[in-house]
């Protein structure tokens, strides 16, 4: 049996009830962090697919997922230009 499959009590037979409780809390916190990170990754990938930055090509021999770096760069440049113009307009209105 591998150490990962053994219970906390088996691995630490002399641990107090407080130690066991704290270990359980740490495990839940770690699992919650892992779930949060997984959801963030899924959200980022979904946004990239919706923006057209990730595409796929399916043939009988292979399926290919591609990150369209040219489109990402164009969209990023456009967003920077738009933000720059918006910032310039705000500065002009204050003067």
N, C-alpha and C. Protein backbone atom coordinates (compact mmCIF):
# COMPACT_ATOMS: atom_id res chain seq x y z
N UNK A 1 0.85 -1.17 0.00
CA UNK A 1 0.00 0.00 0.00
C UNK A 1 0.90 1.24 0.00
N UNK A 2 0.61 2.20 -0.85
CA UNK A 2 1.44 3.39 -0.94
C UNK A 2 1.07 4.36 0.18
N UNK A 3 2.02 5.23 0.60
CA UNK A 3 1.72 6.18 1.67
C UNK A 3 0.55 7.10 1.35
N UNK A 4 0.33 7.42 0.08
CA UNK A 4 -0.78 8.29 -0.29
C UNK A 4 -2.14 7.67 -0.06
N UNK A 5 -2.19 6.33 -0.04
CA UNK A 5 -3.48 5.66 0.14
C UNK A 5 -3.76 5.30 1.59
N UNK A 6 -2.79 5.51 2.48
CA UNK A 6 -3.00 5.22 3.89
C UNK A 6 -3.64 6.40 4.59
N UNK A 7 -4.40 6.11 5.63
CA UNK A 7 -5.08 7.17 6.36
C UNK A 7 -4.09 7.92 7.23
N UNK A 8 -4.48 9.12 7.65
CA UNK A 8 -3.66 9.92 8.54
C UNK A 8 -3.39 9.19 9.84
N UNK A 9 -4.42 8.50 10.35
CA UNK A 9 -4.28 7.77 11.61
C UNK A 9 -3.25 6.65 11.48
N UNK A 10 -3.20 5.98 10.34
CA UNK A 10 -2.24 4.90 10.12
C UNK A 10 -0.82 5.45 10.06
N UNK A 11 -0.64 6.58 9.39
CA UNK A 11 0.69 7.16 9.25
C UNK A 11 1.16 7.86 10.52
N UNK A 12 0.23 8.36 11.34
CA UNK A 12 0.55 9.10 12.56
C UNK A 12 -0.28 8.55 13.72
N UNK A 13 0.05 7.36 14.23
CA UNK A 13 -0.78 6.72 15.25
C UNK A 13 -0.80 7.46 16.59
N UNK A 14 0.20 8.29 16.89
CA UNK A 14 0.27 8.97 18.18
C UNK A 14 -0.18 10.43 18.10
N UNK A 15 -0.75 10.83 16.99
CA UNK A 15 -1.19 12.21 16.84
C UNK A 15 -2.41 12.45 17.69
N UNK A 16 -2.51 13.68 18.22
CA UNK A 16 -3.66 14.05 19.04
C UNK A 16 -4.87 14.33 18.16
N UNK A 17 -6.03 14.43 18.80
CA UNK A 17 -7.26 14.72 18.05
C UNK A 17 -7.16 16.07 17.37
N UNK A 18 -6.50 17.04 18.02
CA UNK A 18 -6.31 18.36 17.42
C UNK A 18 -5.47 18.30 16.18
N UNK A 19 -4.40 17.47 16.23
CA UNK A 19 -3.55 17.30 15.05
C UNK A 19 -4.34 16.70 13.90
N UNK A 20 -5.15 15.71 14.20
CA UNK A 20 -5.96 15.06 13.17
C UNK A 20 -6.96 16.03 12.57
N UNK A 21 -7.56 16.85 13.43
CA UNK A 21 -8.53 17.84 12.95
C UNK A 21 -7.84 18.86 12.06
N UNK A 22 -6.66 19.33 12.50
CA UNK A 22 -5.93 20.31 11.71
C UNK A 22 -5.52 19.73 10.37
N UNK A 23 -5.11 18.46 10.35
CA UNK A 23 -4.74 17.81 9.09
C UNK A 23 -5.95 17.77 8.15
N UNK A 24 -7.11 17.47 8.70
CA UNK A 24 -8.33 17.45 7.88
C UNK A 24 -8.64 18.82 7.31
N UNK A 25 -8.47 19.87 8.14
CA UNK A 25 -8.71 21.23 7.68
C UNK A 25 -7.74 21.61 6.56
N UNK A 26 -6.47 21.25 6.73
CA UNK A 26 -5.46 21.56 5.71
C UNK A 26 -5.79 20.83 4.40
N UNK A 27 -6.26 19.60 4.51
CA UNK A 27 -6.61 18.84 3.32
C UNK A 27 -7.77 19.50 2.59
N UNK A 28 -8.79 19.95 3.33
CA UNK A 28 -9.93 20.62 2.70
C UNK A 28 -9.52 21.93 2.06
N UNK A 29 -8.63 22.66 2.73
CA UNK A 29 -8.16 23.93 2.17
C UNK A 29 -7.39 23.67 0.88
N UNK A 30 -6.51 22.66 0.89
CA UNK A 30 -5.74 22.32 -0.30
C UNK A 30 -6.66 21.89 -1.44
N UNK A 31 -7.67 21.08 -1.12
CA UNK A 31 -8.61 20.63 -2.15
C UNK A 31 -9.40 21.81 -2.71
N UNK A 32 -9.78 22.74 -1.84
CA UNK A 32 -10.51 23.93 -2.31
C UNK A 32 -9.63 24.78 -3.22
N UNK A 33 -8.35 24.94 -2.86
CA UNK A 33 -7.41 25.70 -3.69
C UNK A 33 -7.24 25.02 -5.05
N UNK A 34 -7.10 23.71 -5.03
CA UNK A 34 -6.95 22.97 -6.29
C UNK A 34 -8.18 23.13 -7.17
N UNK A 35 -9.36 23.06 -6.56
CA UNK A 35 -10.61 23.22 -7.32
C UNK A 35 -10.71 24.63 -7.89
N UNK A 36 -10.33 25.63 -7.09
CA UNK A 36 -10.37 27.02 -7.56
C UNK A 36 -9.42 27.19 -8.74
N UNK A 37 -8.22 26.65 -8.64
CA UNK A 37 -7.24 26.76 -9.73
C UNK A 37 -7.72 26.05 -10.99
N UNK A 38 -8.35 24.90 -10.82
CA UNK A 38 -8.89 24.17 -11.97
C UNK A 38 -10.00 24.97 -12.65
N UNK A 39 -10.89 25.55 -11.86
CA UNK A 39 -11.97 26.36 -12.43
C UNK A 39 -11.43 27.59 -13.16
N UNK A 40 -10.40 28.22 -12.60
CA UNK A 40 -9.79 29.38 -13.27
C UNK A 40 -9.19 28.96 -14.61
N UNK A 41 -8.49 27.83 -14.63
CA UNK A 41 -7.89 27.34 -15.88
C UNK A 41 -8.97 27.04 -16.92
N UNK A 42 -10.06 26.41 -16.49
CA UNK A 42 -11.16 26.12 -17.41
C UNK A 42 -11.77 27.40 -17.95
N UNK A 43 -11.95 28.39 -17.07
CA UNK A 43 -12.51 29.68 -17.49
C UNK A 43 -11.61 30.37 -18.50
N UNK A 44 -10.31 30.38 -18.25
CA UNK A 44 -9.36 31.01 -19.16
C UNK A 44 -9.40 30.32 -20.53
N UNK A 45 -9.41 29.00 -20.53
CA UNK A 45 -9.46 28.26 -21.79
C UNK A 45 -10.77 28.53 -22.53
N UNK A 46 -11.88 28.58 -21.80
CA UNK A 46 -13.18 28.86 -22.42
C UNK A 46 -13.19 30.25 -23.07
N UNK A 47 -12.63 31.24 -22.37
CA UNK A 47 -12.57 32.60 -22.93
C UNK A 47 -11.69 32.62 -24.18
N UNK A 48 -10.57 31.89 -24.12
CA UNK A 48 -9.68 31.85 -25.29
C UNK A 48 -10.37 31.18 -26.48
N UNK A 49 -11.18 30.16 -26.23
CA UNK A 49 -11.92 29.51 -27.32
C UNK A 49 -12.96 30.45 -27.88
N UNK A 50 -13.70 31.13 -27.00
CA UNK A 50 -14.74 32.06 -27.46
C UNK A 50 -14.14 33.24 -28.23
N UNK A 51 -12.95 33.67 -27.85
CA UNK A 51 -12.29 34.78 -28.55
C UNK A 51 -11.68 34.34 -29.87
N UNK A 52 -11.66 33.04 -30.12
CA UNK A 52 -11.07 32.53 -31.35
C UNK A 52 -9.57 32.35 -31.25
N UNK A 53 -9.02 32.41 -30.04
CA UNK A 53 -7.58 32.28 -29.87
C UNK A 53 -7.14 30.82 -29.87
N UNK A 54 -8.04 29.92 -29.52
CA UNK A 54 -7.74 28.48 -29.57
C UNK A 54 -8.68 27.88 -30.61
N UNK A 55 -8.10 27.19 -31.56
CA UNK A 55 -8.88 26.51 -32.60
C UNK A 55 -8.49 25.04 -32.65
N UNK A 56 -9.32 24.26 -33.28
CA UNK A 56 -8.97 22.85 -33.44
C UNK A 56 -9.31 22.41 -34.85
N UNK A 57 -8.57 21.41 -35.28
CA UNK A 57 -8.77 20.84 -36.60
C UNK A 57 -8.87 19.33 -36.41
N UNK A 58 -9.94 18.76 -36.92
CA UNK A 58 -10.16 17.33 -36.76
C UNK A 58 -10.06 16.65 -38.11
N UNK A 59 -9.17 15.68 -38.20
CA UNK A 59 -9.08 14.83 -39.38
C UNK A 59 -9.23 13.39 -38.91
N UNK A 60 -9.29 12.48 -39.85
CA UNK A 60 -9.45 11.08 -39.46
C UNK A 60 -8.23 10.55 -38.73
N UNK A 61 -7.07 11.15 -38.97
CA UNK A 61 -5.84 10.67 -38.35
C UNK A 61 -5.48 11.38 -37.05
N UNK A 62 -5.89 12.64 -36.92
CA UNK A 62 -5.45 13.39 -35.75
C UNK A 62 -6.35 14.59 -35.49
N UNK A 63 -6.39 14.99 -34.24
CA UNK A 63 -7.05 16.23 -33.85
C UNK A 63 -5.98 17.17 -33.35
N UNK A 64 -5.99 18.39 -33.85
CA UNK A 64 -4.97 19.36 -33.50
C UNK A 64 -5.62 20.59 -32.85
N UNK A 65 -5.12 20.97 -31.70
CA UNK A 65 -5.52 22.21 -31.06
C UNK A 65 -4.39 23.20 -31.27
N UNK A 66 -4.75 24.42 -31.67
CA UNK A 66 -3.74 25.44 -31.95
C UNK A 66 -4.08 26.72 -31.22
N UNK A 67 -3.06 27.40 -30.75
CA UNK A 67 -3.23 28.74 -30.19
C UNK A 67 -2.86 29.70 -31.31
N UNK A 68 -3.81 30.51 -31.70
CA UNK A 68 -3.63 31.44 -32.81
C UNK A 68 -2.89 32.68 -32.30
N UNK A 69 -1.57 32.60 -32.27
CA UNK A 69 -0.77 33.66 -31.66
C UNK A 69 -0.90 34.99 -32.41
N UNK A 70 -1.05 34.94 -33.74
CA UNK A 70 -1.20 36.18 -34.49
C UNK A 70 -2.49 36.90 -34.08
N UNK A 71 -3.57 36.15 -33.91
CA UNK A 71 -4.85 36.75 -33.50
C UNK A 71 -4.75 37.29 -32.07
N UNK A 72 -4.08 36.56 -31.20
CA UNK A 72 -3.91 37.03 -29.81
C UNK A 72 -3.14 38.35 -29.83
N UNK A 73 -2.06 38.41 -30.61
CA UNK A 73 -1.26 39.64 -30.68
C UNK A 73 -2.08 40.79 -31.26
N UNK A 74 -2.85 40.54 -32.32
CA UNK A 74 -3.67 41.59 -32.91
C UNK A 74 -4.69 42.11 -31.91
N UNK A 75 -5.37 41.19 -31.21
CA UNK A 75 -6.37 41.60 -30.23
C UNK A 75 -5.73 42.36 -29.07
N UNK A 76 -4.56 41.93 -28.63
CA UNK A 76 -3.87 42.62 -27.54
C UNK A 76 -3.45 44.02 -27.97
N UNK A 77 -2.90 44.13 -29.19
CA UNK A 77 -2.51 45.44 -29.71
C UNK A 77 -3.72 46.36 -29.83
N UNK A 78 -4.83 45.83 -30.30
CA UNK A 78 -6.05 46.62 -30.43
C UNK A 78 -6.54 47.09 -29.06
N UNK A 79 -6.49 46.21 -28.08
CA UNK A 79 -6.93 46.57 -26.71
C UNK A 79 -6.02 47.65 -26.13
N UNK A 80 -4.73 47.54 -26.38
CA UNK A 80 -3.79 48.56 -25.87
C UNK A 80 -4.05 49.89 -26.55
N UNK A 81 -4.27 49.89 -27.85
CA UNK A 81 -4.57 51.13 -28.58
C UNK A 81 -5.86 51.75 -28.07
N UNK A 82 -6.90 50.94 -27.89
CA UNK A 82 -8.19 51.46 -27.39
C UNK A 82 -8.03 52.05 -26.00
N UNK A 83 -7.29 51.36 -25.14
CA UNK A 83 -7.08 51.86 -23.77
C UNK A 83 -6.27 53.15 -23.81
N UNK A 84 -5.30 53.21 -24.69
CA UNK A 84 -4.47 54.41 -24.81
C UNK A 84 -5.31 55.61 -25.25
N UNK A 85 -6.18 55.37 -26.26
CA UNK A 85 -7.06 56.45 -26.72
C UNK A 85 -8.02 56.88 -25.61
N UNK A 86 -8.57 55.93 -24.90
CA UNK A 86 -9.51 56.26 -23.82
C UNK A 86 -8.79 57.05 -22.72
N UNK A 87 -7.56 56.69 -22.43
CA UNK A 87 -6.79 57.39 -21.41
C UNK A 87 -6.48 58.80 -21.86
N UNK A 88 -6.11 58.99 -23.15
CA UNK A 88 -5.84 60.30 -23.70
C UNK A 88 -7.07 61.18 -23.63
N UNK A 89 -8.24 60.63 -23.91
CA UNK A 89 -9.48 61.40 -23.86
C UNK A 89 -9.75 61.86 -22.43
N UNK A 90 -9.55 61.01 -21.46
CA UNK A 90 -9.77 61.38 -20.06
C UNK A 90 -8.82 62.48 -19.63
N UNK A 91 -7.57 62.42 -20.08
CA UNK A 91 -6.60 63.45 -19.72
C UNK A 91 -7.01 64.78 -20.36
N UNK A 92 -7.43 64.77 -21.62
CA UNK A 92 -7.83 65.99 -22.30
C UNK A 92 -9.04 66.63 -21.62
N UNK A 93 -9.98 65.84 -21.12
CA UNK A 93 -11.17 66.39 -20.47
C UNK A 93 -10.82 67.05 -19.14
N UNK A 94 -9.78 66.57 -18.47
CA UNK A 94 -9.38 67.16 -17.18
C UNK A 94 -8.67 68.49 -17.37
N UNK A 95 -8.02 68.69 -18.48
CA UNK A 95 -7.25 69.92 -18.70
C UNK A 95 -8.09 71.09 -18.98
